[in-house]
Amino acid sequence: MDRLFRNYQEMIEKARSFGPVSMSVAVAQDRDVLEAVKMAEDAGIARAILVGNEDAIRSRADEVGLRRDMEIIHEGDDFKAALKAVELVSTGKARILMKGLVNTSVFMKAVLNKEVGLRTGGLLSHLAVFEIPNAKKLLFHTDGGINVAPDLEQKKQILINALYALKEMGVINPKVAVLTANEKVSEKMPATVDASKLTMMNNEGLIPVSCVLEGPIALDVATDPHAAEHKGITSRITGEVDLLLFPNIEAGNIMGKTLMHYAGAKMAGIVLGTSHPVVLASRAETAEGKLNSIALAALAVKR
């Protein structure tokens, strides 16, 4: 496949074709999390090891119809449970990690633990994917969740993290827009300078994963050929963009929430830059949304 999936169902079917991947779940005693685990197992994309309060997990697992022989590791303390779930991944017993009913800061402290964590020495970043009504394919965004105001080198690493993940998914030579407010390079708009430098880096072969990258480029030009034509801009990605690289966390966060709240889009997301993909869905996310994030992580696993 050299183009992105049309919808989450195609993504789930692709993940199923690889067979179920082992997944550890930190503080798993949450009904929506367990419902997503059941959906992932039923879909053939994951088999879970549940870490947390065993009594609470078994009670809620019965409610959602999970199999009775699920592997459960009892740990009543949230941080210790998160640390154990992380350790299962770092020691090879599981290949992806999922956050359950635990505070994000507690969870990430375990992920970055010096002894058993998933550190690689690289920059962590967030990769989101949106299924937008009437769009012809899924659209990837980075980074609207972790890096607040990345500098040029950090933007380069965020881009590389995303490109490697897309490559694992079978997306070859994706079309990338380095988003800014307009296409003119100006020292008064530092994001345009960074975008121009990233484009030069890619043209010079300094980005280690193949992509068609353009920037600085505004959102309308990246997504609408008519806007590009109207502005007199020749673009190889307009109307076909696969990945949006944002200048800062506010732009990515606002864009994502606008798509969900005003356009009815559905979102999935994972953390990259760790040794294994991490599912970091909000506790308010639905079971279906968590399933989509599990599928995304299963596809991003290094093979």
C-alpha atoms as a PDB file:
ATOM      1  CA  MET A   1       0.000   0.000   0.000  1.00  0.00           C
ATOM      2  CA  ASP A   2       1.471   3.367  -0.967  1.00  0.00           C
ATOM      3  CA  ARG A   3      -1.450   5.481   0.131  1.00  0.00           C
ATOM      4  CA  LEU A   4      -3.247   5.868   3.397  1.00  0.00           C
ATOM      5  CA  PHE A   5      -6.244   3.915   4.582  1.00  0.00           C
ATOM      6  CA  ARG A   6      -9.660   5.230   3.682  1.00  0.00           C
ATOM      7  CA  ASN A   7     -11.106   4.636   7.153  1.00  0.00           C
ATOM      8  CA  TYR A   8     -10.475   2.958  10.487  1.00  0.00           C
ATOM      9  CA  GLN A   9     -12.028  -0.292   9.317  1.00  0.00           C
ATOM     10  CA  GLU A  10      -9.324  -0.646   6.672  1.00  0.00           C
ATOM     11  CA  MET A  11      -6.732   0.090   9.340  1.00  0.00           C
ATOM     12  CA  ILE A  12      -8.178  -2.614  11.602  1.00  0.00           C
ATOM     13  CA  GLU A  13      -8.248  -5.104   8.723  1.00  0.00           C
ATOM     14  CA  LYS A  14      -4.596  -4.358   7.951  1.00  0.00           C
ATOM     15  CA  ALA A  15      -3.665  -4.892  11.612  1.00  0.00           C
ATOM     16  CA  ARG A  16      -5.588  -8.174  11.617  1.00  0.00           C
ATOM     17  CA  SER A  17      -3.557  -9.387   8.641  1.00  0.00           C
ATOM     18  CA  PHE A  18      -0.409  -9.281  10.802  1.00  0.00           C
ATOM     19  CA  GLY A  19      -2.023 -11.348  13.557  1.00  0.00           C
ATOM     20  CA  PRO A  20      -2.699 -10.300  17.160  1.00  0.00           C
ATOM     21  CA  VAL A  21       0.047  -8.345  18.919  1.00  0.00           C
ATOM     22  CA  SER A  22       0.641  -8.699  22.667  1.00  0.00           C
ATOM     23  CA  MET A  23      -0.385  -5.629  24.675  1.00  0.00           C
ATOM     24  CA  SER A  24      -0.007  -4.721  28.334  1.00  0.00           C
ATOM     25  CA  VAL A  25      -2.624  -2.455  29.898  1.00  0.00           C
ATOM     26  CA  ALA A  26      -1.713  -0.276  32.877  1.00  0.00           C
ATOM     27  CA  VAL A  27      -4.392   0.067  35.574  1.00  0.00           C
ATOM     28  CA  ALA A  28      -6.876  -1.873  33.487  1.00  0.00           C
ATOM     29  CA  GLN A  29      -9.930  -1.646  35.766  1.00  0.00           C
ATOM     30  CA  ASP A  30     -11.906   0.647  33.482  1.00  0.00           C
ATOM     31  CA  ARG A  31     -14.997  -0.509  31.637  1.00  0.00           C
ATOM     32  CA  ASP A  32     -14.301   1.389  28.398  1.00  0.00           C
ATOM     33  CA  VAL A  33     -10.694   0.181  28.362  1.00  0.00           C
ATOM     34  CA  LEU A  34     -11.786  -3.422  28.892  1.00  0.00           C
ATOM     35  CA  GLU A  35     -14.482  -3.082  26.269  1.00  0.00           C
ATOM     36  CA  ALA A  36     -11.824  -1.831  23.829  1.00  0.00           C
ATOM     37  CA  VAL A  37      -9.584  -4.758  24.799  1.00  0.00           C
ATOM     38  CA  LYS A  38     -12.429  -7.170  24.030  1.00  0.00           C
ATOM     39  CA  MET A  39     -13.094  -5.469  20.694  1.00  0.00           C
ATOM     40  CA  ALA A  40      -9.374  -5.667  19.844  1.00  0.00           C
ATOM     41  CA  GLU A  41      -9.249  -9.366  20.730  1.00  0.00           C
ATOM     42  CA  ASP A  42     -12.459 -10.093  18.817  1.00  0.00           C
ATOM     43  CA  ALA A  43     -11.009  -8.243  15.814  1.00  0.00           C
ATOM     44  CA  GLY A  44      -7.844 -10.338  15.992  1.00  0.00           C
ATOM     45  CA  ILE A  45      -5.459  -7.401  16.397  1.00  0.00           C
ATOM     46  CA  ALA A  46      -4.324  -7.735  20.044  1.00  0.00           C
ATOM     47  CA  ARG A  47      -4.173 -10.027  23.055  1.00  0.00           C
ATOM     48  CA  ALA A  48      -3.888  -8.244  26.365  1.00  0.00           C
ATOM     49  CA  ILE A  49      -2.186  -8.692  29.703  1.00  0.00           C
ATOM     50  CA  LEU A  50      -4.110  -6.682  32.286  1.00  0.00           C
ATOM     51  CA  VAL A  51      -2.307  -5.048  35.204  1.00  0.00           C
ATOM     52  CA  GLY A  52      -4.131  -3.460  38.131  1.00  0.00           C
ATOM     53  CA  ASN A  53      -6.664  -4.277  40.831  1.00  0.00           C
ATOM     54  CA  GLU A  54      -7.559  -7.888  40.024  1.00  0.00           C
ATOM     55  CA  ASP A  55     -10.985  -7.928  41.717  1.00  0.00           C
ATOM     56  CA  ALA A  56     -12.071  -4.756  39.928  1.00  0.00           C
ATOM     57  CA  ILE A  57     -10.660  -5.982  36.617  1.00  0.00           C
ATOM     58  CA  ARG A  58     -12.434  -9.348  36.836  1.00  0.00           C
ATOM     59  CA  SER A  59     -15.732  -7.737  37.786  1.00  0.00           C
ATOM     60  CA  ARG A  60     -15.672  -5.321  34.855  1.00  0.00           C
ATOM     61  CA  ALA A  61     -14.226  -7.904  32.494  1.00  0.00           C
ATOM     62  CA  ASP A  62     -17.256 -10.091  33.188  1.00  0.00           C
ATOM     63  CA  GLU A  63     -19.524  -7.132  32.454  1.00  0.00           C
ATOM     64  CA  VAL A  64     -18.082  -6.676  28.970  1.00  0.00           C
ATOM     65  CA  GLY A  65     -17.760 -10.397  28.235  1.00  0.00           C
ATOM     66  CA  LEU A  66     -13.982 -10.771  28.207  1.00  0.00           C
ATOM     67  CA  ARG A  67     -12.640 -14.317  28.221  1.00  0.00           C
ATOM     68  CA  ARG A  68     -12.191 -15.810  31.682  1.00  0.00           C
ATOM     69  CA  ASP A  69      -8.610 -16.950  31.071  1.00  0.00           C
ATOM     70  CA  MET A  70      -7.274 -13.404  30.563  1.00  0.00           C
ATOM     71  CA  GLU A  71      -3.841 -12.956  32.119  1.00  0.00           C
ATOM     72  CA  ILE A  72      -4.201 -10.540  35.018  1.00  0.00           C
ATOM     73  CA  ILE A  73      -1.375  -9.264  37.205  1.00  0.00           C
ATOM     74  CA  HIS A  74      -2.599  -7.860  40.483  1.00  0.00           C
ATOM     75  CA  GLU A  75      -1.185  -4.534  41.662  1.00  0.00           C
ATOM     76  CA  GLY A  76      -3.328  -2.140  43.649  1.00  0.00           C
ATOM     77  CA  ASP A  77      -1.016   0.877  43.474  1.00  0.00           C
ATOM     78  CA  ASP A  78      -1.433   2.902  40.266  1.00  0.00           C
ATOM     79  CA  PHE A  79       2.226   3.773  39.761  1.00  0.00           C
ATOM     80  CA  LYS A  80       3.423   0.252  40.505  1.00  0.00           C
ATOM     81  CA  ALA A  81       0.792  -1.137  38.145  1.00  0.00           C
ATOM     82  CA  ALA A  82       1.899   1.259  35.394  1.00  0.00           C
ATOM     83  CA  LEU A  83       5.538   0.353  36.030  1.00  0.00           C
ATOM     84  CA  LYS A  84       4.738  -3.357  35.795  1.00  0.00           C
ATOM     85  CA  ALA A  85       2.835  -2.861  32.551  1.00  0.00           C
ATOM     86  CA  VAL A  86       5.815  -0.935  31.151  1.00  0.00           C
ATOM     87  CA  GLU A  87       8.209  -3.652  32.285  1.00  0.00           C
ATOM     88  CA  LEU A  88       6.194  -6.275  30.402  1.00  0.00           C
ATOM     89  CA  VAL A  89       6.914  -4.328  27.231  1.00  0.00           C
ATOM     90  CA  SER A  90      10.563  -3.532  27.909  1.00  0.00           C
ATOM     91  CA  THR A  91      11.277  -7.212  28.674  1.00  0.00           C
ATOM     92  CA  GLY A  92       9.520  -8.428  25.520  1.00  0.00           C
ATOM     93  CA  LYS A  93       6.442 -10.050  27.014  1.00  0.00           C
ATOM     94  CA  ALA A  94       4.276  -7.428  25.317  1.00  0.00           C
ATOM     95  CA  ARG A  95       4.871  -5.303  22.227  1.00  0.00           C
ATOM     96  CA  ILE A  96       2.569  -2.330  22.806  1.00  0.00           C
ATOM     97  CA  LEU A  97       1.542  -0.457  25.945  1.00  0.00           C
ATOM     98  CA  MET A  98      -1.867   0.973  26.741  1.00  0.00           C
ATOM     99  CA  LYS A  99      -2.874   3.488  29.384  1.00  0.00           C
ATOM    100  CA  GLY A 100      -5.868   2.540  31.504  1.00  0.00           C
ATOM    101  CA  LEU A 101      -7.509   4.284  34.458  1.00  0.00           C
ATOM    102  CA  VAL A 102      -4.404   6.165  35.563  1.00  0.00           C
ATOM    103  CA  ASN A 103      -3.331   9.800  35.539  1.00  0.00           C
ATOM    104  CA  THR A 104      -1.246  10.636  32.481  1.00  0.00           C
ATOM    105  CA  SER A 105       1.633  12.082  34.517  1.00  0.00           C
ATOM    106  CA  VAL A 106       1.814   8.915  36.629  1.00  0.00           C
ATOM    107  CA  PHE A 107       1.669   6.761  33.503  1.00  0.00           C
ATOM    108  CA  MET A 108       4.379   8.710  31.686  1.00  0.00           C
ATOM    109  CA  LYS A 109       6.623   8.633  34.753  1.00  0.00           C
ATOM    110  CA  ALA A 110       6.523   4.849  34.451  1.00  0.00           C
ATOM    111  CA  VAL A 111       7.079   4.954  30.682  1.00  0.00           C
ATOM    112  CA  LEU A 112      10.232   7.045  31.206  1.00  0.00           C
ATOM    113  CA  ASN A 113      11.537   5.085  34.192  1.00  0.00           C
ATOM    114  CA  LYS A 114      15.319   4.713  33.929  1.00  0.00           C
ATOM    115  CA  GLU A 115      15.357   1.046  34.919  1.00  0.00           C
ATOM    116  CA  VAL A 116      12.445  -0.565  33.055  1.00  0.00           C
ATOM    117  CA  GLY A 117      11.029   2.240  30.929  1.00  0.00           C
ATOM    118  CA  LEU A 118      10.787   2.630  27.170  1.00  0.00           C
ATOM    119  CA  ARG A 119      13.331   5.401  26.696  1.00  0.00           C
ATOM    120  CA  THR A 120      15.342   5.436  23.478  1.00  0.00           C
ATOM    121  CA  GLY A 121      17.168   8.710  23.935  1.00  0.00           C
ATOM    122  CA  GLY A 122      15.034  10.271  21.215  1.00  0.00           C
ATOM    123  CA  LEU A 123      12.275  12.848  21.359  1.00  0.00           C
ATOM    124  CA  LEU A 124       8.781  11.689  22.291  1.00  0.00           C
ATOM    125  CA  SER A 125       5.995  12.907  20.041  1.00  0.00           C
ATOM    126  CA  HIS A 126       2.300  12.339  19.453  1.00  0.00           C
ATOM    127  CA  LEU A 127       0.851  10.987  16.227  1.00  0.00           C
ATOM    128  CA  ALA A 128      -2.882  11.385  15.689  1.00  0.00           C
ATOM    129  CA  VAL A 129      -5.060  10.132  12.865  1.00  0.00           C
ATOM    130  CA  PHE A 130      -8.492  11.439  11.949  1.00  0.00           C
ATOM    131  CA  GLU A 131     -11.357   9.846  10.056  1.00  0.00           C
ATOM    132  CA  ILE A 132     -13.191  12.866   8.671  1.00  0.00           C
ATOM    133  CA  PRO A 133     -16.704  12.536   7.216  1.00  0.00           C
ATOM    134  CA  ASN A 134     -16.641  12.634   3.395  1.00  0.00           C
ATOM    135  CA  ALA A 135     -12.826  12.642   3.253  1.00  0.00           C
ATOM    136  CA  LYS A 136     -11.305  10.079   0.889  1.00  0.00           C
ATOM    137  CA  LYS A 137      -8.706   8.820   3.382  1.00  0.00           C
ATOM    138  CA  LEU A 138      -7.463   9.087   6.944  1.00  0.00           C
ATOM    139  CA  LEU A 139      -5.377  12.160   7.770  1.00  0.00           C
ATOM    140  CA  PHE A 140      -2.376  12.067  10.110  1.00  0.00           C
ATOM    141  CA  HIS A 141      -1.355  14.955  12.398  1.00  0.00           C
ATOM    142  CA  THR A 142       1.779  15.585  14.453  1.00  0.00           C
ATOM    143  CA  ASP A 143       2.387  16.932  17.086  1.00  0.00           C
ATOM    144  CA  GLY A 144      -0.694  18.230  18.864  1.00  0.00           C
ATOM    145  CA  GLY A 145      -0.175  16.442  22.157  1.00  0.00           C
ATOM    146  CA  ILE A 146       3.333  16.473  23.615  1.00  0.00           C
ATOM    147  CA  ASN A 147       5.830  19.061  22.323  1.00  0.00           C
ATOM    148  CA  VAL A 148       4.734  22.584  23.168  1.00  0.00           C
ATOM    149  CA  ALA A 149       6.981  24.813  21.033  1.00  0.00           C
ATOM    150  CA  PRO A 150       9.409  22.594  19.117  1.00  0.00           C
ATOM    151  CA  ASP A 151      12.518  24.124  17.586  1.00  0.00           C
ATOM    152  CA  LEU A 152      13.830  23.144  14.162  1.00  0.00           C
ATOM    153  CA  GLU A 153      15.732  20.072  15.337  1.00  0.00           C
ATOM    154  CA  GLN A 154      12.724  18.898  17.369  1.00  0.00           C
ATOM    155  CA  LYS A 155      10.404  19.390  14.389  1.00  0.00           C
ATOM    156  CA  LYS A 156      12.776  17.270  12.345  1.00  0.00           C
ATOM    157  CA  GLN A 157      12.625  14.489  14.942  1.00  0.00           C
ATOM    158  CA  ILE A 158       8.826  14.741  15.227  1.00  0.00           C
ATOM    159  CA  LEU A 159       8.638  14.363  11.448  1.00  0.00           C
ATOM    160  CA  ILE A 160      11.016  11.388  11.447  1.00  0.00           C
ATOM    161  CA  ASN A 161       9.069   9.657  14.244  1.00  0.00           C
ATOM    162  CA  ALA A 162       5.877   9.966  12.220  1.00  0.00           C
ATOM    163  CA  LEU A 163       7.488   8.861   8.954  1.00  0.00           C
ATOM    164  CA  TYR A 164       8.938   5.723  10.520  1.00  0.00           C
ATOM    165  CA  ALA A 165       5.515   4.861  11.976  1.00  0.00           C
ATOM    166  CA  LEU A 166       3.832   5.365   8.590  1.00  0.00           C
ATOM    167  CA  LYS A 167       6.488   3.220   6.958  1.00  0.00           C
ATOM    168  CA  GLU A 168       5.699   0.373   9.373  1.00  0.00           C
ATOM    169  CA  MET A 169       2.068   0.730   8.328  1.00  0.00           C
ATOM    170  CA  GLY A 170       3.037   0.232   4.696  1.00  0.00           C
ATOM    171  CA  VAL A 171       2.609   3.865   3.668  1.00  0.00           C
ATOM    172  CA  ILE A 172       5.488   4.585   1.301  1.00  0.00           C
ATOM    173  CA  ASN A 173       6.610   8.097   0.348  1.00  0.00           C
ATOM    174  CA  PRO A 174       3.767   9.953   2.122  1.00  0.00           C
ATOM    175  CA  LYS A 175       2.875  13.508   1.196  1.00  0.00           C
ATOM    176  CA  VAL A 176       3.674  15.888   4.051  1.00  0.00           C
ATOM    177  CA  ALA A 177       2.664  19.497   4.633  1.00  0.00           C
ATOM    178  CA  VAL A 178       4.773  21.585   7.028  1.00  0.00           C
ATOM    179  CA  LEU A 179       1.980  23.946   8.003  1.00  0.00           C
ATOM    180  CA  THR A 180       2.309  27.685   8.496  1.00  0.00           C
ATOM    181  CA  ALA A 181      -0.005  30.673   8.099  1.00  0.00           C
ATOM    182  CA  ASN A 182       1.168  31.303   4.533  1.00  0.00           C
ATOM    183  CA  GLU A 183       3.757  30.274   1.975  1.00  0.00           C
ATOM    184  CA  LYS A 184       6.096  33.278   2.229  1.00  0.00           C
ATOM    185  CA  VAL A 185       9.301  32.823   4.228  1.00  0.00           C
ATOM    186  CA  SER A 186       9.660  35.641   6.735  1.00  0.00           C
ATOM    187  CA  GLU A 187      11.922  36.136   9.748  1.00  0.00           C
ATOM    188  CA  LYS A 188       8.887  37.695  11.450  1.00  0.00           C
ATOM    189  CA  MET A 189       7.172  34.282  11.250  1.00  0.00           C
ATOM    190  CA  PRO A 190       9.749  31.786  12.561  1.00  0.00           C
ATOM    191  CA  ALA A 191       7.558  28.811  11.632  1.00  0.00           C
ATOM    192  CA  THR A 192       7.976  29.688   7.942  1.00  0.00           C
ATOM    193  CA  VAL A 193      11.769  29.743   8.329  1.00  0.00           C
ATOM    194  CA  ASP A 194      11.724  26.317  10.015  1.00  0.00           C
ATOM    195  CA  ALA A 195       9.409  24.947   7.329  1.00  0.00           C
ATOM    196  CA  SER A 196      11.708  26.169   4.584  1.00  0.00           C
ATOM    197  CA  LYS A 197      14.721  24.594   6.282  1.00  0.00           C
ATOM    198  CA  LEU A 198      12.896  21.271   6.714  1.00  0.00           C
ATOM    199  CA  THR A 199      12.060  21.300   3.007  1.00  0.00           C
ATOM    200  CA  MET A 200      15.715  21.926   2.172  1.00  0.00           C
ATOM    201  CA  MET A 201      16.775  19.111   4.515  1.00  0.00           C
ATOM    202  CA  ASN A 202      14.422  16.727   2.736  1.00  0.00           C
ATOM    203  CA  ASN A 203      15.615  17.837  -0.696  1.00  0.00           C
ATOM    204  CA  GLU A 204      19.219  17.251   0.415  1.00  0.00           C
ATOM    205  CA  GLY A 205      18.473  13.742   1.677  1.00  0.00           C
ATOM    206  CA  LEU A 206      18.844  14.621   5.357  1.00  0.00           C
ATOM    207  CA  ILE A 207      15.467  13.123   6.293  1.00  0.00           C
ATOM    208  CA  PRO A 208      16.142   9.364   6.529  1.00  0.00           C
ATOM    209  CA  VAL A 209      12.650   8.249   5.488  1.00  0.00           C
ATOM    210  CA  SER A 210      11.306   8.981   2.019  1.00  0.00           C
ATOM    211  CA  CYS A 211       8.501  11.520   1.730  1.00  0.00           C
ATOM    212  CA  VAL A 212       7.175  14.276  -0.524  1.00  0.00           C
ATOM    213  CA  LEU A 213       7.426  17.310   1.749  1.00  0.00           C
ATOM    214  CA  GLU A 214       6.382  20.908   1.156  1.00  0.00           C
ATOM    215  CA  GLY A 215       6.613  23.930   3.393  1.00  0.00           C
ATOM    216  CA  PRO A 216       5.973  26.566   4.307  1.00  0.00           C
ATOM    217  CA  ILE A 217       2.438  25.837   3.195  1.00  0.00           C
ATOM    218  CA  ALA A 218      -0.943  26.975   4.485  1.00  0.00           C
ATOM    219  CA  LEU A 219      -3.703  24.509   5.268  1.00  0.00           C
ATOM    220  CA  ASP A 220      -5.950  25.624   2.399  1.00  0.00           C
ATOM    221  CA  VAL A 221      -3.200  25.125  -0.191  1.00  0.00           C
ATOM    222  CA  ALA A 222      -2.213  21.760   1.293  1.00  0.00           C
ATOM    223  CA  THR A 223      -5.755  20.412   1.161  1.00  0.00           C
ATOM    224  CA  ASP A 224      -7.449  22.182  -1.766  1.00  0.00           C
ATOM    225  CA  PRO A 225      -6.066  22.257  -5.347  1.00  0.00           C
ATOM    226  CA  HIS A 226      -8.351  25.189  -6.149  1.00  0.00           C
ATOM    227  CA  ALA A 227      -6.725  27.254  -3.380  1.00  0.00           C
ATOM    228  CA  ALA A 228      -3.285  26.376  -4.732  1.00  0.00           C
ATOM    229  CA  GLU A 229      -4.324  27.332  -8.262  1.00  0.00           C
ATOM    230  CA  HIS A 230      -5.908  30.579  -7.063  1.00  0.00           C
ATOM    231  CA  LYS A 231      -2.683  31.531  -5.263  1.00  0.00           C
ATOM    232  CA  GLY A 232      -0.570  30.537  -8.259  1.00  0.00           C
ATOM    233  CA  ILE A 233       1.218  27.821  -6.283  1.00  0.00           C
ATOM    234  CA  THR A 234       2.425  24.625  -7.920  1.00  0.00           C
ATOM    235  CA  SER A 235       2.211  21.791  -5.400  1.00  0.00           C
ATOM    236  CA  ARG A 236       2.811  18.045  -5.539  1.00  0.00           C
ATOM    237  CA  ILE A 237       0.770  17.429  -2.382  1.00  0.00           C
ATOM    238  CA  THR A 238      -2.262  19.697  -2.628  1.00  0.00           C
ATOM    239  CA  GLY A 239      -5.465  17.731  -2.174  1.00  0.00           C
ATOM    240  CA  GLU A 240      -3.469  14.553  -1.532  1.00  0.00           C
ATOM    241  CA  VAL A 241      -1.703  15.363   1.750  1.00  0.00           C
ATOM    242  CA  ASP A 242      -1.217  12.424   4.141  1.00  0.00           C
ATOM    243  CA  LEU A 243       0.541  14.031   7.123  1.00  0.00           C
ATOM    244  CA  LEU A 244       0.265  17.515   8.611  1.00  0.00           C
ATOM    245  CA  LEU A 245       3.260  18.738  10.626  1.00  0.00           C
ATOM    246  CA  PHE A 246       2.186  21.553  12.963  1.00  0.00           C
ATOM    247  CA  PRO A 247       4.340  24.470  14.123  1.00  0.00           C
ATOM    248  CA  ASN A 248       3.328  24.102  17.786  1.00  0.00           C
ATOM    249  CA  ILE A 249       1.034  22.247  20.157  1.00  0.00           C
ATOM    250  CA  GLU A 250      -1.685  24.906  20.048  1.00  0.00           C
ATOM    251  CA  ALA A 251      -2.085  24.634  16.280  1.00  0.00           C
ATOM    252  CA  GLY A 252      -2.239  20.837  16.367  1.00  0.00           C
ATOM    253  CA  ASN A 253      -4.530  20.679  19.384  1.00  0.00           C
ATOM    254  CA  ILE A 254      -6.972  23.279  18.082  1.00  0.00           C
ATOM    255  CA  MET A 255      -7.054  21.690  14.627  1.00  0.00           C
ATOM    256  CA  GLY A 256      -7.788  18.252  16.051  1.00  0.00           C
ATOM    257  CA  LYS A 257     -10.526  19.441  18.381  1.00  0.00           C
ATOM    258  CA  THR A 258     -12.079  21.530  15.622  1.00  0.00           C
ATOM    259  CA  LEU A 259     -12.288  18.468  13.385  1.00  0.00           C
ATOM    260  CA  MET A 260     -13.906  16.417  16.153  1.00  0.00           C
ATOM    261  CA  HIS A 261     -16.341  18.991  17.504  1.00  0.00           C
ATOM    262  CA  TYR A 262     -17.369  20.756  14.302  1.00  0.00           C
ATOM    263  CA  ALA A 263     -16.737  18.225  11.535  1.00  0.00           C
ATOM    264  CA  GLY A 264     -17.684  15.034  13.402  1.00  0.00           C
ATOM    265  CA  ALA A 265     -14.255  13.471  12.914  1.00  0.00           C
ATOM    266  CA  LYS A 266     -13.046  10.463  14.910  1.00  0.00           C
ATOM    267  CA  MET A 267      -9.531  10.455  16.317  1.00  0.00           C
ATOM    268  CA  ALA A 268      -6.954   7.847  17.313  1.00  0.00           C
ATOM    269  CA  GLY A 269      -3.497   8.550  18.670  1.00  0.00           C
ATOM    270  CA  ILE A 270      -0.261   7.043  19.934  1.00  0.00           C
ATOM    271  CA  VAL A 271       3.023   8.188  21.460  1.00  0.00           C
ATOM    272  CA  LEU A 272       6.158   7.701  19.349  1.00  0.00           C
ATOM    273  CA  GLY A 273       9.827   8.029  20.187  1.00  0.00           C
ATOM    274  CA  THR A 274       9.623   5.205  22.711  1.00  0.00           C
ATOM    275  CA  SER A 275      10.994   1.731  22.025  1.00  0.00           C
ATOM    276  CA  HIS A 276       7.426   0.480  21.461  1.00  0.00           C
ATOM    277  CA  PRO A 277       4.170   2.277  20.546  1.00  0.00           C
ATOM    278  CA  VAL A 278       2.163   3.648  23.468  1.00  0.00           C
ATOM    279  CA  VAL A 279      -1.630   4.040  23.419  1.00  0.00           C
ATOM    280  CA  LEU A 280      -2.381   7.194  25.386  1.00  0.00           C
ATOM    281  CA  ALA A 281      -6.110   7.661  24.826  1.00  0.00           C
ATOM    282  CA  SER A 282      -8.018  10.028  27.080  1.00  0.00           C
ATOM    283  CA  ARG A 283      -9.994   8.451  29.909  1.00  0.00           C
ATOM    284  CA  ALA A 284     -13.035  10.155  28.364  1.00  0.00           C
ATOM    285  CA  GLU A 285     -12.453   8.447  24.998  1.00  0.00           C
ATOM    286  CA  THR A 286     -15.026   5.864  23.926  1.00  0.00           C
ATOM    287  CA  ALA A 287     -14.230   2.169  23.638  1.00  0.00           C
ATOM    288  CA  GLU A 288     -14.415   2.494  19.843  1.00  0.00           C
ATOM    289  CA  GLY A 289     -11.907   5.342  19.922  1.00  0.00           C
ATOM    290  CA  LYS A 290      -9.572   3.315  22.100  1.00  0.00           C
ATOM    291  CA  LEU A 291      -9.901   0.374  19.693  1.00  0.00           C
ATOM    292  CA  ASN A 292      -8.809   2.596  16.808  1.00  0.00           C
ATOM    293  CA  SER A 293      -5.760   3.697  18.797  1.00  0.00           C
ATOM    294  CA  ILE A 294      -4.908   0.050  19.554  1.00  0.00           C
ATOM    295  CA  ALA A 295      -5.082  -0.704  15.821  1.00  0.00           C
ATOM    296  CA  LEU A 296      -2.827   2.269  15.095  1.00  0.00           C
ATOM    297  CA  ALA A 297      -0.289   1.037  17.666  1.00  0.00           C
ATOM    298  CA  ALA A 298      -0.461  -2.530  16.333  1.00  0.00           C
ATOM    299  CA  LEU A 299       0.391  -1.261  12.852  1.00  0.00           C
ATOM    300  CA  ALA A 300       3.241   0.929  14.107  1.00  0.00           C
ATOM    301  CA  VAL A 301       5.051  -1.942  15.850  1.00  0.00           C
ATOM    302  CA  LYS A 302       8.495  -2.574  14.378  1.00  0.00           C
ATOM    303  CA  ARG A 303       8.559  -5.821  12.404  1.00  0.00           C
END
